[in-house]
C-alpha cells in the first residue's frame, strides 16, 4: 500500500511526533497538527530531512473549527492527491 498524505494530530510530541517522523521517511506528505506550536518543530524537522510537511496549530476537540480549518487548508494547499 502506498500512502500519499497523512494528517496526524498530536504531531508535536510523543507518539504523534514519532509517527509523523516515521511516515515521512516513506515519502508521504505529512500534515502535522497539535494544540500548540510544537507541531511546527516536527514539520520543520521533516522538511529539513528532505520530506514534505506542513503544520497547523489546531485543537481537534473543537469539531466545527477543525472541519472549517481542514476544509480551507485542503482548498488552498499545493498538495494534490
C-alpha atoms as a PDB file:
ATOM      1  CA  UNK A   1       0.000   0.000   0.000  1.00  0.00           C
ATOM      2  CA  UNK A   2       1.247   3.470  -0.887  1.00  0.00           C
ATOM      3  CA  UNK A   3       0.408   6.367   1.399  1.00  0.00           C
ATOM      4  CA  UNK A   4       0.462   9.754  -0.332  1.00  0.00           C
ATOM      5  CA  UNK A   5      -0.624  12.019   2.519  1.00  0.00           C
ATOM      6  CA  UNK A   6      -1.295  11.709   6.225  1.00  0.00           C
ATOM      7  CA  UNK A   7      -2.919  14.050   8.742  1.00  0.00           C
ATOM      8  CA  UNK A   8      -1.568  13.460  12.237  1.00  0.00           C
ATOM      9  CA  UNK A   9      -2.999  15.116  15.324  1.00  0.00           C
ATOM     10  CA  UNK A  10      -0.721  15.335  18.326  1.00  0.00           C
ATOM     11  CA  UNK A  11       2.259  15.568  15.983  1.00  0.00           C
ATOM     12  CA  UNK A  12       4.117  17.941  18.270  1.00  0.00           C
ATOM     13  CA  UNK A  13       5.307  15.364  20.785  1.00  0.00           C
ATOM     14  CA  UNK A  14       5.230  11.778  21.914  1.00  0.00           C
ATOM     15  CA  UNK A  15       3.687   9.055  19.787  1.00  0.00           C
ATOM     16  CA  UNK A  16       2.153  11.502  17.290  1.00  0.00           C
ATOM     17  CA  UNK A  17       5.552  13.067  16.629  1.00  0.00           C
ATOM     18  CA  UNK A  18       7.205   9.661  16.266  1.00  0.00           C
ATOM     19  CA  UNK A  19       4.528   8.530  13.807  1.00  0.00           C
ATOM     20  CA  UNK A  20       4.889  11.734  11.763  1.00  0.00           C
ATOM     21  CA  UNK A  21       8.660  11.363  11.523  1.00  0.00           C
ATOM     22  CA  UNK A  22       8.426   7.671  10.653  1.00  0.00           C
ATOM     23  CA  UNK A  23       5.766   8.091   7.944  1.00  0.00           C
ATOM     24  CA  UNK A  24       7.689  10.997   6.433  1.00  0.00           C
ATOM     25  CA  UNK A  25      10.502   8.533   5.659  1.00  0.00           C
ATOM     26  CA  UNK A  26       8.097   6.703   3.319  1.00  0.00           C
ATOM     27  CA  UNK A  27       7.761   9.836   1.198  1.00  0.00           C
ATOM     28  CA  UNK A  28       4.239  10.681   2.339  1.00  0.00           C
ATOM     29  CA  UNK A  29       3.195  14.317   2.722  1.00  0.00           C
ATOM     30  CA  UNK A  30       2.567  14.926   6.431  1.00  0.00           C
ATOM     31  CA  UNK A  31       0.145  17.486   7.848  1.00  0.00           C
ATOM     32  CA  UNK A  32       1.244  17.932  11.459  1.00  0.00           C
ATOM     33  CA  UNK A  33      -1.459  19.146  13.839  1.00  0.00           C
ATOM     34  CA  UNK A  34      -1.255  19.957  17.540  1.00  0.00           C
ATOM     35  CA  UNK A  35      -2.808  22.291  20.086  1.00  0.00           C
ATOM     36  CA  UNK A  36       0.457  24.204  20.341  1.00  0.00           C
ATOM     37  CA  UNK A  37       3.228  25.409  18.079  1.00  0.00           C
ATOM     38  CA  UNK A  38       5.164  22.210  18.784  1.00  0.00           C
ATOM     39  CA  UNK A  39       3.859  20.782  15.502  1.00  0.00           C
ATOM     40  CA  UNK A  40       5.899  23.424  13.652  1.00  0.00           C
ATOM     41  CA  UNK A  41       9.113  21.895  15.013  1.00  0.00           C
ATOM     42  CA  UNK A  42       8.057  18.453  13.786  1.00  0.00           C
ATOM     43  CA  UNK A  43       7.143  19.769  10.322  1.00  0.00           C
ATOM     44  CA  UNK A  44      10.441  21.676  10.114  1.00  0.00           C
ATOM     45  CA  UNK A  45      12.376  18.543  11.051  1.00  0.00           C
ATOM     46  CA  UNK A  46      10.595  16.595   8.310  1.00  0.00           C
ATOM     47  CA  UNK A  47      11.220  19.317   5.717  1.00  0.00           C
ATOM     48  CA  UNK A  48      14.866  19.752   6.742  1.00  0.00           C
ATOM     49  CA  UNK A  49      15.335  15.996   6.360  1.00  0.00           C
ATOM     50  CA  UNK A  50      14.098  16.075   2.771  1.00  0.00           C
ATOM     51  CA  UNK A  51      10.453  15.212   3.458  1.00  0.00           C
ATOM     52  CA  UNK A  52       7.302  17.205   2.834  1.00  0.00           C
ATOM     53  CA  UNK A  53       5.213  18.578   5.686  1.00  0.00           C
ATOM     54  CA  UNK A  54       3.088  21.470   6.874  1.00  0.00           C
ATOM     55  CA  UNK A  55       1.977  22.390  10.382  1.00  0.00           C
ATOM     56  CA  UNK A  56      -1.369  23.566  11.726  1.00  0.00           C
ATOM     57  CA  UNK A  57      -1.920  24.699  15.301  1.00  0.00           C
ATOM     58  CA  UNK A  58      -5.406  23.364  15.991  1.00  0.00           C
ATOM     59  CA  UNK A  59      -7.417  21.827  18.834  1.00  0.00           C
ATOM     60  CA  UNK A  60      -9.194  18.928  17.129  1.00  0.00           C
ATOM     61  CA  UNK A  61     -11.648  18.679  20.024  1.00  0.00           C
ATOM     62  CA  UNK A  62     -13.337  21.764  18.526  1.00  0.00           C
ATOM     63  CA  UNK A  63     -15.121  19.886  15.740  1.00  0.00           C
ATOM     64  CA  UNK A  64     -16.592  22.886  13.899  1.00  0.00           C
ATOM     65  CA  UNK A  65     -13.303  24.775  13.832  1.00  0.00           C
ATOM     66  CA  UNK A  66     -11.413  21.628  12.793  1.00  0.00           C
ATOM     67  CA  UNK A  67     -13.812  20.975   9.940  1.00  0.00           C
ATOM     68  CA  UNK A  68     -13.506  24.568   8.679  1.00  0.00           C
ATOM     69  CA  UNK A  69      -9.719  24.770   9.032  1.00  0.00           C
ATOM     70  CA  UNK A  70      -9.121  21.437   7.271  1.00  0.00           C
ATOM     71  CA  UNK A  71     -11.561  22.354   4.505  1.00  0.00           C
ATOM     72  CA  UNK A  72      -9.848  25.717   3.999  1.00  0.00           C
ATOM     73  CA  UNK A  73      -6.432  24.047   4.092  1.00  0.00           C
ATOM     74  CA  UNK A  74      -7.381  21.419   1.525  1.00  0.00           C
ATOM     75  CA  UNK A  75      -8.698  24.107  -0.818  1.00  0.00           C
ATOM     76  CA  UNK A  76      -5.530  26.209  -0.654  1.00  0.00           C
ATOM     77  CA  UNK A  77      -2.774  23.627  -0.321  1.00  0.00           C
ATOM     78  CA  UNK A  78      -0.282  22.924  -3.042  1.00  0.00           C
ATOM     79  CA  UNK A  79      -0.507  19.212  -2.222  1.00  0.00           C
ATOM     80  CA  UNK A  80      -2.937  17.472  -4.530  1.00  0.00           C
ATOM     81  CA  UNK A  81      -3.630  13.758  -4.332  1.00  0.00           C
END
